[in-house]
Structure formats: C-alpha cells, structure tokens
Amino acid sequence: MSTDPGPFDLDTAWRLDEQVSIRPERFGALLYHFGTRRLSFLKSPALLTVVRSLAEHPTARAACAGAGVGPPELPRYRAALAALAASRMIQPRSL
C-alpha cells in the first residue's frame, strides 16, 4: 500500500470537510475528523491560514497566495494539501 498522497490540483476549489474540527496551536493546528476519527497536524500557522481560507477562494492556489505562500514554497504546500485530501480532511467543492 502506497503512502504517496498522489497528485493534488491546486487549481481546483477545495473546502474543509464538514466533519473536521480545528484546534489552533502554537505550531499550527490539530485537525480531527469526527467521521474517520483521524487526527492530522498542521505544522505551520501559514498552512492553517490556507486550510481555513480554502472555501473563501476559487482555488487552492488562490488560498495559498492569499496566505502569502510564494512560488518557491508552493510544492511543500501542495504536498501538505494532498495529504489532507487523502485523509479526507479537505474535500473538493463545486463553484
């Protein structure tokens, strides 16, 4: 079984899953999915800002830009968002 979250489309609209609760922490945040009973760690305050703002932006790329994530950092954020999508913490949404 692969642990690679696979490709993540930054140009798609995303949102936090309705069953996910966020607990902000100094290091970023803890996310808990009540449906899957999974816990995820966001290891930076900027990633927390991106995740919280996904529903307010037309794409994940726009949410990253809105949080001040520059092009050199984008691959790291894409990987983090891919892992959150794979664990069902975030879901695609229709515009």
N, C-alpha and C. Protein backbone atom coordinates (compact mmCIF):
# COMPACT_ATOMS: atom_id res chain seq x y z
N MET A 1 0.85 -1.18 0.00
CA MET A 1 0.00 0.00 0.00
C MET A 1 0.89 1.24 0.00
N SER A 2 0.61 2.17 -0.90
CA SER A 2 1.42 3.39 -1.04
C SER A 2 0.98 4.45 -0.04
N THR A 3 1.95 5.18 0.49
CA THR A 3 1.63 6.30 1.37
C THR A 3 1.69 7.62 0.62
N ASP A 4 2.01 7.59 -0.68
CA ASP A 4 2.05 8.78 -1.51
C ASP A 4 0.62 9.29 -1.70
N PRO A 5 0.35 10.55 -1.31
CA PRO A 5 -1.00 11.06 -1.43
C PRO A 5 -1.43 11.30 -2.88
N GLY A 6 -0.49 11.22 -3.82
CA GLY A 6 -0.84 11.39 -5.22
C GLY A 6 -0.88 12.86 -5.60
N PRO A 7 -1.26 13.12 -6.85
CA PRO A 7 -1.28 14.49 -7.33
C PRO A 7 -2.39 15.30 -6.65
N PHE A 8 -2.13 16.56 -6.50
CA PHE A 8 -3.12 17.47 -5.91
C PHE A 8 -3.27 18.65 -6.85
N ASP A 9 -4.48 18.92 -7.25
CA ASP A 9 -4.75 20.00 -8.19
C ASP A 9 -4.96 21.31 -7.44
N LEU A 10 -3.95 22.17 -7.50
CA LEU A 10 -4.04 23.48 -6.86
C LEU A 10 -5.05 24.39 -7.53
N ASP A 11 -5.45 24.05 -8.74
CA ASP A 11 -6.38 24.91 -9.48
C ASP A 11 -7.82 24.44 -9.38
N THR A 12 -8.11 23.65 -8.37
CA THR A 12 -9.46 23.18 -8.06
C THR A 12 -9.92 23.88 -6.78
N ALA A 13 -11.24 24.02 -6.66
CA ALA A 13 -11.83 24.60 -5.44
C ALA A 13 -11.90 23.51 -4.36
N TRP A 14 -11.48 23.85 -3.15
CA TRP A 14 -11.47 22.92 -2.03
C TRP A 14 -12.14 23.56 -0.82
N ARG A 15 -12.47 22.73 0.15
CA ARG A 15 -13.04 23.20 1.42
C ARG A 15 -12.68 22.22 2.52
N LEU A 16 -12.74 22.70 3.73
CA LEU A 16 -12.57 21.83 4.90
C LEU A 16 -13.78 20.92 4.98
N ASP A 17 -13.58 19.64 5.25
CA ASP A 17 -14.70 18.72 5.40
C ASP A 17 -15.57 19.17 6.56
N GLU A 18 -16.88 19.01 6.42
CA GLU A 18 -17.83 19.43 7.45
C GLU A 18 -17.63 18.72 8.79
N GLN A 19 -17.04 17.55 8.77
CA GLN A 19 -16.85 16.77 10.00
C GLN A 19 -15.50 17.03 10.67
N VAL A 20 -14.77 18.05 10.20
CA VAL A 20 -13.45 18.32 10.74
C VAL A 20 -13.50 19.51 11.70
N SER A 21 -12.87 19.31 12.83
CA SER A 21 -12.73 20.37 13.83
C SER A 21 -11.26 20.81 13.86
N ILE A 22 -11.07 22.12 13.99
CA ILE A 22 -9.71 22.68 14.05
C ILE A 22 -9.43 23.18 15.45
N ARG A 23 -8.27 22.80 15.96
CA ARG A 23 -7.81 23.33 17.24
C ARG A 23 -6.47 24.03 17.01
N PRO A 24 -6.48 25.37 16.97
CA PRO A 24 -5.22 26.10 16.75
C PRO A 24 -4.22 25.83 17.88
N GLU A 25 -2.96 25.75 17.51
CA GLU A 25 -1.86 25.54 18.44
C GLU A 25 -0.72 26.48 18.06
N ARG A 26 0.28 26.62 18.92
CA ARG A 26 1.45 27.46 18.62
C ARG A 26 2.12 27.07 17.32
N PHE A 27 2.22 25.78 17.08
CA PHE A 27 2.95 25.26 15.92
C PHE A 27 2.12 25.28 14.65
N GLY A 28 0.83 25.48 14.75
CA GLY A 28 -0.09 25.42 13.62
C GLY A 28 -1.47 25.04 14.10
N ALA A 29 -1.81 23.75 14.01
CA ALA A 29 -3.13 23.31 14.49
C ALA A 29 -3.22 21.79 14.49
N LEU A 30 -4.23 21.31 15.21
CA LEU A 30 -4.64 19.91 15.18
C LEU A 30 -5.98 19.86 14.45
N LEU A 31 -6.13 18.93 13.54
CA LEU A 31 -7.40 18.70 12.86
C LEU A 31 -7.90 17.34 13.26
N TYR A 32 -9.18 17.28 13.62
CA TYR A 32 -9.78 15.99 13.98
C TYR A 32 -11.00 15.77 13.10
N HIS A 33 -11.04 14.62 12.43
CA HIS A 33 -12.17 14.26 11.58
C HIS A 33 -13.08 13.33 12.38
N PHE A 34 -14.28 13.78 12.69
CA PHE A 34 -15.19 13.00 13.51
C PHE A 34 -15.74 11.78 12.78
N GLY A 35 -15.75 11.79 11.47
CA GLY A 35 -16.23 10.63 10.70
C GLY A 35 -15.21 9.51 10.64
N THR A 36 -13.96 9.87 10.37
CA THR A 36 -12.92 8.85 10.23
C THR A 36 -12.15 8.63 11.52
N ARG A 37 -12.32 9.55 12.47
CA ARG A 37 -11.63 9.54 13.76
C ARG A 37 -10.12 9.68 13.59
N ARG A 38 -9.72 10.41 12.53
CA ARG A 38 -8.30 10.64 12.26
C ARG A 38 -7.89 12.01 12.77
N LEU A 39 -6.65 12.08 13.16
CA LEU A 39 -6.05 13.32 13.65
C LEU A 39 -4.93 13.71 12.70
N SER A 40 -4.87 14.98 12.33
CA SER A 40 -3.79 15.50 11.49
C SER A 40 -3.19 16.72 12.15
N PHE A 41 -1.92 16.91 11.92
CA PHE A 41 -1.20 18.05 12.45
C PHE A 41 -0.87 19.01 11.31
N LEU A 42 -1.17 20.28 11.50
CA LEU A 42 -0.71 21.32 10.58
C LEU A 42 0.50 21.93 11.24
N LYS A 43 1.64 21.83 10.58
CA LYS A 43 2.90 22.19 11.23
C LYS A 43 3.33 23.63 11.01
N SER A 44 2.41 24.48 10.54
CA SER A 44 2.74 25.89 10.41
C SER A 44 1.47 26.74 10.48
N PRO A 45 1.58 27.92 11.07
CA PRO A 45 0.44 28.83 11.09
C PRO A 45 -0.01 29.23 9.67
N ALA A 46 0.92 29.32 8.73
CA ALA A 46 0.55 29.68 7.36
C ALA A 46 -0.32 28.59 6.73
N LEU A 47 0.00 27.32 6.99
CA LEU A 47 -0.82 26.23 6.47
C LEU A 47 -2.21 26.28 7.08
N LEU A 48 -2.30 26.61 8.35
CA LEU A 48 -3.60 26.78 8.99
C LEU A 48 -4.40 27.87 8.29
N THR A 49 -3.76 28.97 7.96
CA THR A 49 -4.43 30.06 7.25
C THR A 49 -4.94 29.58 5.90
N VAL A 50 -4.13 28.82 5.18
CA VAL A 50 -4.54 28.28 3.89
C VAL A 50 -5.77 27.38 4.06
N VAL A 51 -5.71 26.45 4.98
CA VAL A 51 -6.81 25.50 5.18
C VAL A 51 -8.09 26.22 5.59
N ARG A 52 -7.98 27.17 6.49
CA ARG A 52 -9.17 27.91 6.93
C ARG A 52 -9.78 28.74 5.81
N SER A 53 -8.97 29.18 4.87
CA SER A 53 -9.47 30.08 3.83
C SER A 53 -9.82 29.38 2.52
N LEU A 54 -9.70 28.06 2.44
CA LEU A 54 -9.96 27.35 1.19
C LEU A 54 -11.35 27.68 0.62
N ALA A 55 -12.36 27.69 1.46
CA ALA A 55 -13.73 27.92 0.99
C ALA A 55 -13.96 29.35 0.50
N GLU A 56 -13.08 30.27 0.89
CA GLU A 56 -13.23 31.67 0.50
C GLU A 56 -12.55 32.00 -0.82
N HIS A 57 -11.80 31.06 -1.37
CA HIS A 57 -11.04 31.30 -2.59
C HIS A 57 -11.51 30.37 -3.69
N PRO A 58 -11.35 30.80 -4.95
CA PRO A 58 -11.81 29.96 -6.06
C PRO A 58 -10.95 28.71 -6.27
N THR A 59 -9.70 28.74 -5.80
CA THR A 59 -8.81 27.58 -5.95
C THR A 59 -7.90 27.48 -4.73
N ALA A 60 -7.28 26.32 -4.58
CA ALA A 60 -6.29 26.14 -3.52
C ALA A 60 -5.08 27.04 -3.76
N ARG A 61 -4.72 27.24 -5.03
CA ARG A 61 -3.61 28.12 -5.38
C ARG A 61 -3.89 29.55 -4.89
N ALA A 62 -5.12 30.01 -5.08
CA ALA A 62 -5.51 31.35 -4.63
C ALA A 62 -5.49 31.44 -3.10
N ALA A 63 -5.89 30.37 -2.42
CA ALA A 63 -5.84 30.36 -0.96
C ALA A 63 -4.39 30.44 -0.48
N CYS A 64 -3.49 29.74 -1.16
CA CYS A 64 -2.07 29.81 -0.81
C CYS A 64 -1.53 31.22 -1.03
N ALA A 65 -1.85 31.81 -2.17
CA ALA A 65 -1.39 33.17 -2.46
C ALA A 65 -1.94 34.15 -1.42
N GLY A 66 -3.19 33.97 -1.05
CA GLY A 66 -3.80 34.84 -0.05
C GLY A 66 -3.15 34.73 1.32
N ALA A 67 -2.54 33.59 1.59
CA ALA A 67 -1.85 33.38 2.87
C ALA A 67 -0.38 33.78 2.78
N GLY A 68 0.03 34.30 1.63
CA GLY A 68 1.41 34.74 1.48
C GLY A 68 2.39 33.66 1.08
N VAL A 69 1.88 32.54 0.59
CA VAL A 69 2.75 31.44 0.15
C VAL A 69 3.27 31.78 -1.25
N GLY A 70 4.57 31.89 -1.37
CA GLY A 70 5.19 32.22 -2.65
C GLY A 70 5.48 31.00 -3.48
N PRO A 71 5.80 31.21 -4.77
CA PRO A 71 6.09 30.09 -5.68
C PRO A 71 7.15 29.11 -5.17
N PRO A 72 8.23 29.56 -4.53
CA PRO A 72 9.22 28.57 -4.06
C PRO A 72 8.66 27.63 -2.98
N GLU A 73 7.67 28.09 -2.22
CA GLU A 73 7.09 27.28 -1.14
C GLU A 73 5.93 26.42 -1.60
N LEU A 74 5.40 26.70 -2.79
CA LEU A 74 4.19 26.04 -3.26
C LEU A 74 4.28 24.51 -3.31
N PRO A 75 5.40 23.91 -3.74
CA PRO A 75 5.45 22.44 -3.74
C PRO A 75 5.25 21.81 -2.34
N ARG A 76 5.78 22.47 -1.31
CA ARG A 76 5.58 21.96 0.05
C ARG A 76 4.12 22.04 0.47
N TYR A 77 3.47 23.14 0.12
CA TYR A 77 2.07 23.31 0.48
C TYR A 77 1.18 22.38 -0.34
N ARG A 78 1.54 22.16 -1.60
CA ARG A 78 0.79 21.20 -2.42
C ARG A 78 0.86 19.81 -1.78
N ALA A 79 2.03 19.41 -1.32
CA ALA A 79 2.18 18.09 -0.69
C ALA A 79 1.36 18.00 0.60
N ALA A 80 1.37 19.06 1.39
CA ALA A 80 0.59 19.07 2.64
C ALA A 80 -0.90 19.00 2.34
N LEU A 81 -1.36 19.75 1.35
CA LEU A 81 -2.78 19.72 0.99
C LEU A 81 -3.16 18.38 0.38
N ALA A 82 -2.26 17.76 -0.36
CA ALA A 82 -2.52 16.43 -0.91
C ALA A 82 -2.72 15.42 0.21
N ALA A 83 -1.90 15.51 1.25
CA ALA A 83 -2.04 14.59 2.38
C ALA A 83 -3.37 14.83 3.10
N LEU A 84 -3.76 16.09 3.23
CA LEU A 84 -5.05 16.40 3.87
C LEU A 84 -6.21 15.90 3.02
N ALA A 85 -6.10 15.98 1.71
CA ALA A 85 -7.15 15.46 0.83
C ALA A 85 -7.21 13.94 0.92
N ALA A 86 -6.06 13.29 0.95
CA ALA A 86 -6.02 11.83 1.03
C ALA A 86 -6.63 11.32 2.33
N SER A 87 -6.51 12.10 3.40
CA SER A 87 -7.09 11.70 4.69
C SER A 87 -8.49 12.26 4.89
N ARG A 88 -9.06 12.87 3.84
CA ARG A 88 -10.43 13.38 3.83
C ARG A 88 -10.64 14.58 4.76
N MET A 89 -9.57 15.25 5.14
CA MET A 89 -9.71 16.46 5.95
C MET A 89 -10.25 17.62 5.11
N ILE A 90 -9.84 17.65 3.84
CA ILE A 90 -10.38 18.64 2.92
C ILE A 90 -11.04 17.91 1.75
N GLN A 91 -12.02 18.56 1.16
CA GLN A 91 -12.81 17.95 0.08
C GLN A 91 -12.89 18.92 -1.10
N PRO A 92 -12.95 18.40 -2.33
CA PRO A 92 -13.19 19.28 -3.47
C PRO A 92 -14.59 19.88 -3.34
N ARG A 93 -14.76 21.06 -3.88
CA ARG A 93 -16.10 21.67 -3.87
C ARG A 93 -16.40 22.21 -5.25
N SER A 94 -17.68 22.35 -5.54
CA SER A 94 -18.07 22.93 -6.81
C SER A 94 -18.24 24.43 -6.63
N LEU A 95 -17.94 25.16 -7.68
CA LEU A 95 -18.05 26.63 -7.61
C LEU A 95 -19.46 27.09 -7.78
